[in-house]
Amino acid sequence: MITGFFACNSRSFPVAESKMVDILADAMVLEAGVQIKYNYAILPDSVWMKNYAFIVKKHNVDVKDFETTLSAYKLDGKEFSALLEKVIVKLQKDEVKHKLDKP
């Protein structure tokens, strides 16, 4: 049913695109940190789920709404790719800002 809903209303996601960009950017930073912390070991899903739940909560988004929105984006490769490009741009801007803020 979700597929039909989003096919007709491609921009009616439960979570706004800008919020998804923020959440996914935080998730990518977290994933990189966790991989380094655990020396790139394969971690159980429970570790990842706990971390993702923390990020979604940080952004005041319901986990189900996030999952629904992410699944909907994944149904359209072009739209998902465009979303991820925005995430990458955000991460690059954040990196530049961080470097400029250093004394």
PDB file of N, CA and C in Angstrom:
ATOM      1  N   MET A   1       0.804  -1.186   0.000  1.00  0.00           N
ATOM      2  CA  MET A   1       0.000   0.000   0.000  1.00  0.00           C
ATOM      3  C   MET A   1       0.849   1.253   0.000  1.00  0.00           C
ATOM      4  N   ILE A   2       1.973   1.230   0.671  1.00  0.00           N
ATOM      5  CA  ILE A   2       2.842   2.406   0.714  1.00  0.00           C
ATOM      6  C   ILE A   2       3.284   2.769  -0.695  1.00  0.00           C
ATOM      7  N   THR A   3       3.609   1.771  -1.501  1.00  0.00           N
ATOM      8  CA  THR A   3       4.068   2.029  -2.861  1.00  0.00           C
ATOM      9  C   THR A   3       3.046   2.840  -3.634  1.00  0.00           C
ATOM     10  N   GLY A   4       1.790   2.440  -3.590  1.00  0.00           N
ATOM     11  CA  GLY A   4       0.742   3.161  -4.302  1.00  0.00           C
ATOM     12  C   GLY A   4       0.562   4.573  -3.786  1.00  0.00           C
ATOM     13  N   PHE A   5       0.622   4.735  -2.501  1.00  0.00           N
ATOM     14  CA  PHE A   5       0.457   6.054  -1.906  1.00  0.00           C
ATOM     15  C   PHE A   5       1.545   7.005  -2.384  1.00  0.00           C
ATOM     16  N   PHE A   6       2.782   6.544  -2.334  1.00  0.00           N
ATOM     17  CA  PHE A   6       3.880   7.425  -2.708  1.00  0.00           C
ATOM     18  C   PHE A   6       4.007   7.593  -4.207  1.00  0.00           C
ATOM     19  N   ALA A   7       3.545   6.627  -4.970  1.00  0.00           N
ATOM     20  CA  ALA A   7       3.585   6.786  -6.422  1.00  0.00           C
ATOM     21  C   ALA A   7       2.651   7.911  -6.854  1.00  0.00           C
ATOM     22  N   CYS A   8       1.525   8.042  -6.189  1.00  0.00           N
ATOM     23  CA  CYS A   8       0.567   9.099  -6.527  1.00  0.00           C
ATOM     24  C   CYS A   8       0.948  10.435  -5.916  1.00  0.00           C
ATOM     25  N   ASN A   9       1.554  10.417  -4.750  1.00  0.00           N
ATOM     26  CA  ASN A   9       1.880  11.638  -4.020  1.00  0.00           C
ATOM     27  C   ASN A   9       3.369  11.643  -3.693  1.00  0.00           C
ATOM     28  N   SER A  10       4.208  11.767  -4.697  1.00  0.00           N
ATOM     29  CA  SER A  10       5.638  11.562  -4.513  1.00  0.00           C
ATOM     30  C   SER A  10       6.270  12.502  -3.494  1.00  0.00           C
ATOM     31  N   ARG A  11       5.646  13.626  -3.197  1.00  0.00           N
ATOM     32  CA  ARG A  11       6.241  14.554  -2.242  1.00  0.00           C
ATOM     33  C   ARG A  11       5.516  14.567  -0.907  1.00  0.00           C
ATOM     34  N   SER A  12       4.650  13.634  -0.659  1.00  0.00           N
ATOM     35  CA  SER A  12       3.881  13.597   0.583  1.00  0.00           C
ATOM     36  C   SER A  12       4.490  12.616   1.574  1.00  0.00           C
ATOM     37  N   PHE A  13       5.766  12.747   1.810  1.00  0.00           N
ATOM     38  CA  PHE A  13       6.436  11.854   2.744  1.00  0.00           C
ATOM     39  C   PHE A  13       6.130  12.281   4.177  1.00  0.00           C
ATOM     40  N   PRO A  14       6.067  11.322   5.102  1.00  0.00           N
ATOM     41  CA  PRO A  14       5.833  11.688   6.500  1.00  0.00           C
ATOM     42  C   PRO A  14       6.936  12.585   7.081  1.00  0.00           C
ATOM     43  N   VAL A  15       8.159  12.428   6.597  1.00  0.00           N
ATOM     44  CA  VAL A  15       9.279  13.237   7.079  1.00  0.00           C
ATOM     45  C   VAL A  15       9.745  14.126   5.923  1.00  0.00           C
ATOM     46  N   ALA A  16       9.860  15.407   6.182  1.00  0.00           N
ATOM     47  CA  ALA A  16      10.272  16.364   5.161  1.00  0.00           C
ATOM     48  C   ALA A  16      11.678  16.051   4.652  1.00  0.00           C
ATOM     49  N   GLU A  17      11.914  16.400   3.393  1.00  0.00           N
ATOM     50  CA  GLU A  17      13.212  16.123   2.776  1.00  0.00           C
ATOM     51  C   GLU A  17      14.359  16.754   3.570  1.00  0.00           C
ATOM     52  N   SER A  18      14.219  17.983   4.004  1.00  0.00           N
ATOM     53  CA  SER A  18      15.303  18.649   4.737  1.00  0.00           C
ATOM     54  C   SER A  18      15.616  17.917   6.036  1.00  0.00           C
ATOM     55  N   LYS A  19      14.595  17.394   6.685  1.00  0.00           N
ATOM     56  CA  LYS A  19      14.788  16.633   7.920  1.00  0.00           C
ATOM     57  C   LYS A  19      15.466  15.297   7.615  1.00  0.00           C
ATOM     58  N   MET A  20      15.087  14.669   6.494  1.00  0.00           N
ATOM     59  CA  MET A  20      15.734  13.415   6.089  1.00  0.00           C
ATOM     60  C   MET A  20      17.216  13.649   5.811  1.00  0.00           C
ATOM     61  N   VAL A  21      17.535  14.754   5.177  1.00  0.00           N
ATOM     62  CA  VAL A  21      18.937  15.081   4.896  1.00  0.00           C
ATOM     63  C   VAL A  21      19.709  15.186   6.216  1.00  0.00           C
ATOM     64  N   ASP A  22      19.149  15.889   7.182  1.00  0.00           N
ATOM     65  CA  ASP A  22      19.816  16.035   8.480  1.00  0.00           C
ATOM     66  C   ASP A  22      19.995  14.692   9.181  1.00  0.00           C
ATOM     67  N   ILE A  23      18.947  13.879   9.166  1.00  0.00           N
ATOM     68  CA  ILE A  23      19.010  12.570   9.828  1.00  0.00           C
ATOM     69  C   ILE A  23      20.042  11.672   9.154  1.00  0.00           C
ATOM     70  N   LEU A  24      20.004  11.602   7.834  1.00  0.00           N
ATOM     71  CA  LEU A  24      20.938  10.727   7.115  1.00  0.00           C
ATOM     72  C   LEU A  24      22.378  11.212   7.241  1.00  0.00           C
ATOM     73  N   ALA A  25      22.580  12.523   7.295  1.00  0.00           N
ATOM     74  CA  ALA A  25      23.942  13.050   7.495  1.00  0.00           C
ATOM     75  C   ALA A  25      24.452  12.623   8.871  1.00  0.00           C
ATOM     76  N   ASP A  26      23.622  12.775   9.889  1.00  0.00           N
ATOM     77  CA  ASP A  26      24.020  12.327  11.225  1.00  0.00           C
ATOM     78  C   ASP A  26      24.285  10.825  11.249  1.00  0.00           C
ATOM     79  N   ALA A  27      23.463  10.061  10.535  1.00  0.00           N
ATOM     80  CA  ALA A  27      23.651   8.611  10.497  1.00  0.00           C
ATOM     81  C   ALA A  27      24.986   8.248   9.853  1.00  0.00           C
ATOM     82  N   MET A  28      25.355   8.959   8.793  1.00  0.00           N
ATOM     83  CA  MET A  28      26.631   8.665   8.125  1.00  0.00           C
ATOM     84  C   MET A  28      27.815   8.988   9.025  1.00  0.00           C
ATOM     85  N   VAL A  29      27.728  10.087   9.748  1.00  0.00           N
ATOM     86  CA  VAL A  29      28.804  10.447  10.680  1.00  0.00           C
ATOM     87  C   VAL A  29      28.886   9.398  11.788  1.00  0.00           C
ATOM     88  N   LEU A  30      27.752   9.016  12.307  1.00  0.00           N
ATOM     89  CA  LEU A  30      27.716   8.006  13.362  1.00  0.00           C
ATOM     90  C   LEU A  30      28.290   6.683  12.865  1.00  0.00           C
ATOM     91  N   GLU A  31      27.877   6.265  11.673  1.00  0.00           N
ATOM     92  CA  GLU A  31      28.375   5.000  11.123  1.00  0.00           C
ATOM     93  C   GLU A  31      29.893   5.021  10.981  1.00  0.00           C
ATOM     94  N   ALA A  32      30.436   6.118  10.508  1.00  0.00           N
ATOM     95  CA  ALA A  32      31.891   6.225  10.354  1.00  0.00           C
ATOM     96  C   ALA A  32      32.581   6.113  11.707  1.00  0.00           C
ATOM     97  N   GLY A  33      32.030   6.802  12.699  1.00  0.00           N
ATOM     98  CA  GLY A  33      32.616   6.754  14.037  1.00  0.00           C
ATOM     99  C   GLY A  33      32.548   5.369  14.655  1.00  0.00           C
ATOM    100  N   VAL A  34      31.418   4.706  14.491  1.00  0.00           N
ATOM    101  CA  VAL A  34      31.252   3.363  15.054  1.00  0.00           C
ATOM    102  C   VAL A  34      32.206   2.394  14.370  1.00  0.00           C
ATOM    103  N   GLN A  35      32.338   2.495  13.064  1.00  0.00           N
ATOM    104  CA  GLN A  35      33.247   1.591  12.345  1.00  0.00           C
ATOM    105  C   GLN A  35      34.690   1.771  12.825  1.00  0.00           C
ATOM    106  N   ILE A  36      35.088   3.000  13.042  1.00  0.00           N
ATOM    107  CA  ILE A  36      36.452   3.251  13.537  1.00  0.00           C
ATOM    108  C   ILE A  36      36.592   2.728  14.959  1.00  0.00           C
ATOM    109  N   LYS A  37      35.607   3.027  15.803  1.00  0.00           N
ATOM    110  CA  LYS A  37      35.650   2.598  17.209  1.00  0.00           C
ATOM    111  C   LYS A  37      35.798   1.084  17.328  1.00  0.00           C
ATOM    112  N   TYR A  38      35.084   0.349  16.496  1.00  0.00           N
ATOM    113  CA  TYR A  38      35.110  -1.103  16.580  1.00  0.00           C
ATOM    114  C   TYR A  38      36.018  -1.739  15.522  1.00  0.00           C
ATOM    115  N   ASN A  39      36.915  -0.946  14.986  1.00  0.00           N
ATOM    116  CA  ASN A  39      37.922  -1.427  14.039  1.00  0.00           C
ATOM    117  C   ASN A  39      37.288  -2.178  12.869  1.00  0.00           C
ATOM    118  N   TYR A  40      36.202  -1.637  12.355  1.00  0.00           N
ATOM    119  CA  TYR A  40      35.507  -2.158  11.182  1.00  0.00           C
ATOM    120  C   TYR A  40      34.981  -3.579  11.360  1.00  0.00           C
ATOM    121  N   ALA A  41      34.718  -3.947  12.604  1.00  0.00           N
ATOM    122  CA  ALA A  41      34.150  -5.269  12.887  1.00  0.00           C
ATOM    123  C   ALA A  41      32.685  -5.308  12.445  1.00  0.00           C
ATOM    124  N   ILE A  42      32.221  -6.504  12.182  1.00  0.00           N
ATOM    125  CA  ILE A  42      30.799  -6.680  11.866  1.00  0.00           C
ATOM    126  C   ILE A  42      30.039  -6.621  13.191  1.00  0.00           C
ATOM    127  N   LEU A  43      29.108  -5.693  13.271  1.00  0.00           N
ATOM    128  CA  LEU A  43      28.370  -5.486  14.512  1.00  0.00           C
ATOM    129  C   LEU A  43      26.946  -6.020  14.380  1.00  0.00           C
ATOM    130  N   PRO A  44      26.386  -6.451  15.498  1.00  0.00           N
ATOM    131  CA  PRO A  44      25.008  -6.946  15.449  1.00  0.00           C
ATOM    132  C   PRO A  44      24.035  -5.807  15.120  1.00  0.00           C
ATOM    133  N   ASP A  45      22.928  -6.170  14.518  1.00  0.00           N
ATOM    134  CA  ASP A  45      21.911  -5.181  14.157  1.00  0.00           C
ATOM    135  C   ASP A  45      21.444  -4.375  15.360  1.00  0.00           C
ATOM    136  N   SER A  46      21.459  -4.978  16.534  1.00  0.00           N
ATOM    137  CA  SER A  46      20.978  -4.287  17.730  1.00  0.00           C
ATOM    138  C   SER A  46      21.808  -3.031  18.014  1.00  0.00           C
ATOM    139  N   VAL A  47      23.089  -3.070  17.729  1.00  0.00           N
ATOM    140  CA  VAL A  47      23.949  -1.896  17.924  1.00  0.00           C
ATOM    141  C   VAL A  47      23.517  -0.785  16.981  1.00  0.00           C
ATOM    142  N   TRP A  48      23.299  -1.148  15.730  1.00  0.00           N
ATOM    143  CA  TRP A  48      22.900  -0.143  14.746  1.00  0.00           C
ATOM    144  C   TRP A  48      21.511   0.407  15.040  1.00  0.00           C
ATOM    145  N   MET A  49      20.586  -0.470  15.416  1.00  0.00           N
ATOM    146  CA  MET A  49      19.225  -0.023  15.688  1.00  0.00           C
ATOM    147  C   MET A  49      19.192   0.966  16.855  1.00  0.00           C
ATOM    148  N   LYS A  50      19.995   0.699  17.869  1.00  0.00           N
ATOM    149  CA  LYS A  50      20.063   1.607  19.019  1.00  0.00           C
ATOM    150  C   LYS A  50      20.599   2.977  18.582  1.00  0.00           C
ATOM    151  N   ASN A  51      21.615   2.963  17.756  1.00  0.00           N
ATOM    152  CA  ASN A  51      22.202   4.218  17.280  1.00  0.00           C
ATOM    153  C   ASN A  51      21.239   4.981  16.377  1.00  0.00           C
ATOM    154  N   TYR A  52      20.584   4.278  15.472  1.00  0.00           N
ATOM    155  CA  TYR A  52      19.637   4.939  14.572  1.00  0.00           C
ATOM    156  C   TYR A  52      18.445   5.492  15.352  1.00  0.00           C
ATOM    157  N   ALA A  53      17.991   4.748  16.354  1.00  0.00           N
ATOM    158  CA  ALA A  53      16.875   5.227  17.180  1.00  0.00           C
ATOM    159  C   ALA A  53      17.269   6.524  17.883  1.00  0.00           C
ATOM    160  N   PHE A  54      18.511   6.598  18.334  1.00  0.00           N
ATOM    161  CA  PHE A  54      19.003   7.815  18.985  1.00  0.00           C
ATOM    162  C   PHE A  54      18.966   9.001  18.020  1.00  0.00           C
ATOM    163  N   ILE A  55      19.423   8.792  16.797  1.00  0.00           N
ATOM    164  CA  ILE A  55      19.463   9.877  15.812  1.00  0.00           C
ATOM    165  C   ILE A  55      18.055  10.351  15.471  1.00  0.00           C
ATOM    166  N   VAL A  56      17.159   9.424  15.235  1.00  0.00           N
ATOM    167  CA  VAL A  56      15.788   9.788  14.875  1.00  0.00           C
ATOM    168  C   VAL A  56      15.142  10.558  16.034  1.00  0.00           C
ATOM    169  N   LYS A  57      15.374  10.100  17.245  1.00  0.00           N
ATOM    170  CA  LYS A  57      14.828  10.786  18.419  1.00  0.00           C
ATOM    171  C   LYS A  57      15.420  12.191  18.538  1.00  0.00           C
ATOM    172  N   LYS A  58      16.702  12.324  18.276  1.00  0.00           N
ATOM    173  CA  LYS A  58      17.375  13.628  18.330  1.00  0.00           C
ATOM    174  C   LYS A  58      16.677  14.640  17.417  1.00  0.00           C
ATOM    175  N   HIS A  59      16.168  14.162  16.296  1.00  0.00           N
ATOM    176  CA  HIS A  59      15.512  15.032  15.320  1.00  0.00           C
ATOM    177  C   HIS A  59      13.988  15.097  15.511  1.00  0.00           C
ATOM    178  N   ASN A  60      13.515  14.550  16.630  1.00  0.00           N
ATOM    179  CA  ASN A  60      12.078  14.573  16.963  1.00  0.00           C
ATOM    180  C   ASN A  60      11.204  13.980  15.854  1.00  0.00           C
ATOM    181  N   VAL A  61      11.643  12.831  15.354  1.00  0.00           N
ATOM    182  CA  VAL A  61      10.907  12.139  14.296  1.00  0.00           C
ATOM    183  C   VAL A  61      10.548  10.752  14.809  1.00  0.00           C
ATOM    184  N   ASP A  62       9.348  10.310  14.500  1.00  0.00           N
ATOM    185  CA  ASP A  62       8.917   8.966  14.851  1.00  0.00           C
ATOM    186  C   ASP A  62       9.675   7.951  13.990  1.00  0.00           C
ATOM    187  N   VAL A  63      10.150   6.895  14.610  1.00  0.00           N
ATOM    188  CA  VAL A  63      10.927   5.874  13.896  1.00  0.00           C
ATOM    189  C   VAL A  63      10.135   5.302  12.719  1.00  0.00           C
ATOM    190  N   LYS A  64       8.864   5.028  12.921  1.00  0.00           N
ATOM    191  CA  LYS A  64       8.034   4.470  11.842  1.00  0.00           C
ATOM    192  C   LYS A  64       7.924   5.454  10.678  1.00  0.00           C
ATOM    193  N   ASP A  65       7.770   6.744  10.984  1.00  0.00           N
ATOM    194  CA  ASP A  65       7.703   7.753   9.919  1.00  0.00           C
ATOM    195  C   ASP A  65       9.017   7.809   9.147  1.00  0.00           C
ATOM    196  N   PHE A  66      10.125   7.712   9.871  1.00  0.00           N
ATOM    197  CA  PHE A  66      11.429   7.706   9.210  1.00  0.00           C
ATOM    198  C   PHE A  66      11.559   6.485   8.301  1.00  0.00           C
ATOM    199  N   GLU A  67      11.221   5.321   8.818  1.00  0.00           N
ATOM    200  CA  GLU A  67      11.329   4.089   8.033  1.00  0.00           C
ATOM    201  C   GLU A  67      10.432   4.138   6.803  1.00  0.00           C
ATOM    202  N   THR A  68       9.216   4.649   6.971  1.00  0.00           N
ATOM    203  CA  THR A  68       8.277   4.761   5.853  1.00  0.00           C
ATOM    204  C   THR A  68       8.836   5.694   4.785  1.00  0.00           C
ATOM    205  N   THR A  69       9.357   6.829   5.224  1.00  0.00           N
ATOM    206  CA  THR A  69       9.898   7.806   4.284  1.00  0.00           C
ATOM    207  C   THR A  69      11.126   7.254   3.571  1.00  0.00           C
ATOM    208  N   LEU A  70      12.030   6.630   4.310  1.00  0.00           N
ATOM    209  CA  LEU A  70      13.232   6.062   3.701  1.00  0.00           C
ATOM    210  C   LEU A  70      12.860   4.985   2.693  1.00  0.00           C
ATOM    211  N   SER A  71      11.916   4.134   3.046  1.00  0.00           N
ATOM    212  CA  SER A  71      11.475   3.080   2.124  1.00  0.00           C
ATOM    213  C   SER A  71      10.883   3.683   0.851  1.00  0.00           C
ATOM    214  N   ALA A  72      10.121   4.750   1.004  1.00  0.00           N
ATOM    215  CA  ALA A  72       9.514   5.403  -0.157  1.00  0.00           C
ATOM    216  C   ALA A  72      10.583   5.990  -1.072  1.00  0.00           C
ATOM    217  N   TYR A  73      11.592   6.624  -0.497  1.00  0.00           N
ATOM    218  CA  TYR A  73      12.683   7.166  -1.312  1.00  0.00           C
ATOM    219  C   TYR A  73      13.401   6.041  -2.061  1.00  0.00           C
ATOM    220  N   LYS A  74      13.592   4.919  -1.395  1.00  0.00           N
ATOM    221  CA  LYS A  74      14.304   3.806  -2.017  1.00  0.00           C
ATOM    222  C   LYS A  74      13.556   3.210  -3.199  1.00  0.00           C
ATOM    223  N   LEU A  75      12.243   3.430  -3.276  1.00  0.00           N
ATOM    224  CA  LEU A  75      11.459   2.923  -4.400  1.00  0.00           C
ATOM    225  C   LEU A  75      11.755   3.672  -5.698  1.00  0.00           C
ATOM    226  N   ASP A  76      12.260   4.875  -5.585  1.00  0.00           N
ATOM    227  CA  ASP A  76      12.570   5.701  -6.754  1.00  0.00           C
ATOM    228  C   ASP A  76      14.063   6.019  -6.725  1.00  0.00           C
ATOM    229  N   GLY A  77      14.817   5.286  -7.525  1.00  0.00           N
ATOM    230  CA  GLY A  77      16.270   5.417  -7.517  1.00  0.00           C
ATOM    231  C   GLY A  77      16.760   6.831  -7.748  1.00  0.00           C
ATOM    232  N   LYS A  78      16.122   7.547  -8.666  1.00  0.00           N
ATOM    233  CA  LYS A  78      16.556   8.916  -8.954  1.00  0.00           C
ATOM    234  C   LYS A  78      16.313   9.834  -7.762  1.00  0.00           C
ATOM    235  N   GLU A  79      15.163   9.674  -7.158  1.00  0.00           N
ATOM    236  CA  GLU A  79      14.832  10.525  -6.012  1.00  0.00           C
ATOM    237  C   GLU A  79      15.732  10.193  -4.816  1.00  0.00           C
ATOM    238  N   PHE A  80      16.001   8.908  -4.619  1.00  0.00           N
ATOM    239  CA  PHE A  80      16.886   8.497  -3.523  1.00  0.00           C
ATOM    240  C   PHE A  80      18.299   9.012  -3.763  1.00  0.00           C
ATOM    241  N   SER A  81      18.757   8.918  -4.995  1.00  0.00           N
ATOM    242  CA  SER A  81      20.084   9.423  -5.338  1.00  0.00           C
ATOM    243  C   SER A  81      20.174  10.931  -5.105  1.00  0.00           C
ATOM    244  N   ALA A  82      19.130  11.658  -5.490  1.00  0.00           N
ATOM    245  CA  ALA A  82      19.108  13.111  -5.275  1.00  0.00           C
ATOM    246  C   ALA A  82      19.144  13.434  -3.783  1.00  0.00           C
ATOM    247  N   LEU A  83      18.429  12.647  -2.991  1.00  0.00           N
ATOM    248  CA  LEU A  83      18.439  12.846  -1.541  1.00  0.00           C
ATOM    249  C   LEU A  83      19.848  12.636  -0.987  1.00  0.00           C
ATOM    250  N   LEU A  84      20.494  11.563  -1.413  1.00  0.00           N
ATOM    251  CA  LEU A  84      21.842  11.272  -0.919  1.00  0.00           C
ATOM    252  C   LEU A  84      22.854  12.322  -1.376  1.00  0.00           C
ATOM    253  N   GLU A  85      22.665  12.879  -2.565  1.00  0.00           N
ATOM    254  CA  GLU A  85      23.534  13.964  -3.009  1.00  0.00           C
ATOM    255  C   GLU A  85      23.414  15.166  -2.082  1.00  0.00           C
ATOM    256  N   LYS A  86      22.211  15.452  -1.630  1.00  0.00           N
ATOM    257  CA  LYS A  86      22.000  16.559  -0.687  1.00  0.00           C
ATOM    258  C   LYS A  86      22.660  16.255   0.658  1.00  0.00           C
ATOM    259  N   VAL A  87      22.633  14.998   1.050  1.00  0.00           N
ATOM    260  CA  VAL A  87      23.301  14.594   2.294  1.00  0.00           C
ATOM    261  C   VAL A  87      24.800  14.830   2.166  1.00  0.00           C
ATOM    262  N   ILE A  88      25.372  14.442   1.044  1.00  0.00           N
ATOM    263  CA  ILE A  88      26.810  14.622   0.830  1.00  0.00           C
ATOM    264  C   ILE A  88      27.179  16.099   0.830  1.00  0.00           C
ATOM    265  N   VAL A  89      26.378  16.909   0.167  1.00  0.00           N
ATOM    266  CA  VAL A  89      26.635  18.361   0.150  1.00  0.00           C
ATOM    267  C   VAL A  89      26.580  18.910   1.578  1.00  0.00           C
ATOM    268  N   LYS A  90      25.600  18.475   2.367  1.00  0.00           N
ATOM    269  CA  LYS A  90      25.496  18.928   3.750  1.00  0.00           C
ATOM    270  C   LYS A  90      26.738  18.538   4.540  1.00  0.00           C
ATOM    271  N   LEU A  91      27.187  17.305   4.368  1.00  0.00           N
ATOM    272  CA  LEU A  91      28.380  16.849   5.080  1.00  0.00           C
ATOM    273  C   LEU A  91      29.607  17.662   4.674  1.00  0.00           C
ATOM    274  N   GLN A  92      29.723  17.972   3.398  1.00  0.00           N
ATOM    275  CA  GLN A  92      30.850  18.779   2.925  1.00  0.00           C
ATOM    276  C   GLN A  92      30.796  20.189   3.512  1.00  0.00           C
ATOM    277  N   LYS A  93      29.614  20.790   3.530  1.00  0.00           N
ATOM    278  CA  LYS A  93      29.463  22.135   4.109  1.00  0.00           C
ATOM    279  C   LYS A  93      29.775  22.114   5.603  1.00  0.00           C
ATOM    280  N   ASP A  94      29.301  21.089   6.289  1.00  0.00           N
ATOM    281  CA  ASP A  94      29.574  20.966   7.723  1.00  0.00           C
ATOM    282  C   ASP A  94      31.070  20.824   7.989  1.00  0.00           C
ATOM    283  N   GLU A  95      31.753  20.082   7.131  1.00  0.00           N
ATOM    284  CA  GLU A  95      33.189  19.899   7.285  1.00  0.00           C
ATOM    285  C   GLU A  95      33.920  21.232   7.101  1.00  0.00           C
ATOM    286  N   VAL A  96      33.553  21.983   6.078  1.00  0.00           N
ATOM    287  CA  VAL A  96      34.179  23.287   5.832  1.00  0.00           C
ATOM    288  C   VAL A  96      33.908  24.220   7.011  1.00  0.00           C
ATOM    289  N   LYS A  97      32.661  24.246   7.464  1.00  0.00           N
ATOM    290  CA  LYS A  97      32.297  25.103   8.600  1.00  0.00           C
ATOM    291  C   LYS A  97      33.107  24.726   9.829  1.00  0.00           C
ATOM    292  N   HIS A  98      33.242  23.435  10.072  1.00  0.00           N
ATOM    293  CA  HIS A  98      34.010  22.958  11.222  1.00  0.00           C
ATOM    294  C   HIS A  98      35.478  23.406  11.127  1.00  0.00           C
ATOM    295  N   LYS A  99      36.039  23.308   9.939  1.00  0.00           N
ATOM    296  CA  LYS A  99      37.442  23.719   9.745  1.00  0.00           C
ATOM    297  C   LYS A  99      37.610  25.217   9.940  1.00  0.00           C
ATOM    298  N   LEU A 100      36.625  26.001   9.488  1.00  0.00           N
ATOM    299  CA  LEU A 100      36.693  27.448   9.636  1.00  0.00           C
ATOM    300  C   LEU A 100      36.490  27.886  11.083  1.00  0.00           C
ATOM    301  N   ASP A 101      35.760  27.102  11.848  1.00  0.00           N
ATOM    302  CA  ASP A 101      35.492  27.443  13.247  1.00  0.00           C
ATOM    303  C   ASP A 101      36.653  27.118  14.165  1.00  0.00           C
ATOM    304  N   LYS A 102      37.609  26.325  13.689  1.00  0.00           N
ATOM    305  CA  LYS A 102      38.766  25.965  14.529  1.00  0.00           C
ATOM    306  C   LYS A 102      39.656  27.187  14.710  1.00  0.00           C
ATOM    307  N   PRO A 103      40.151  27.348  15.938  1.00  0.00           N
ATOM    308  CA  PRO A 103      41.052  28.498  16.177  1.00  0.00           C
ATOM    309  C   PRO A 103      42.410  28.316  15.553  1.00  0.00           C
TER     310      PRO A 103
END
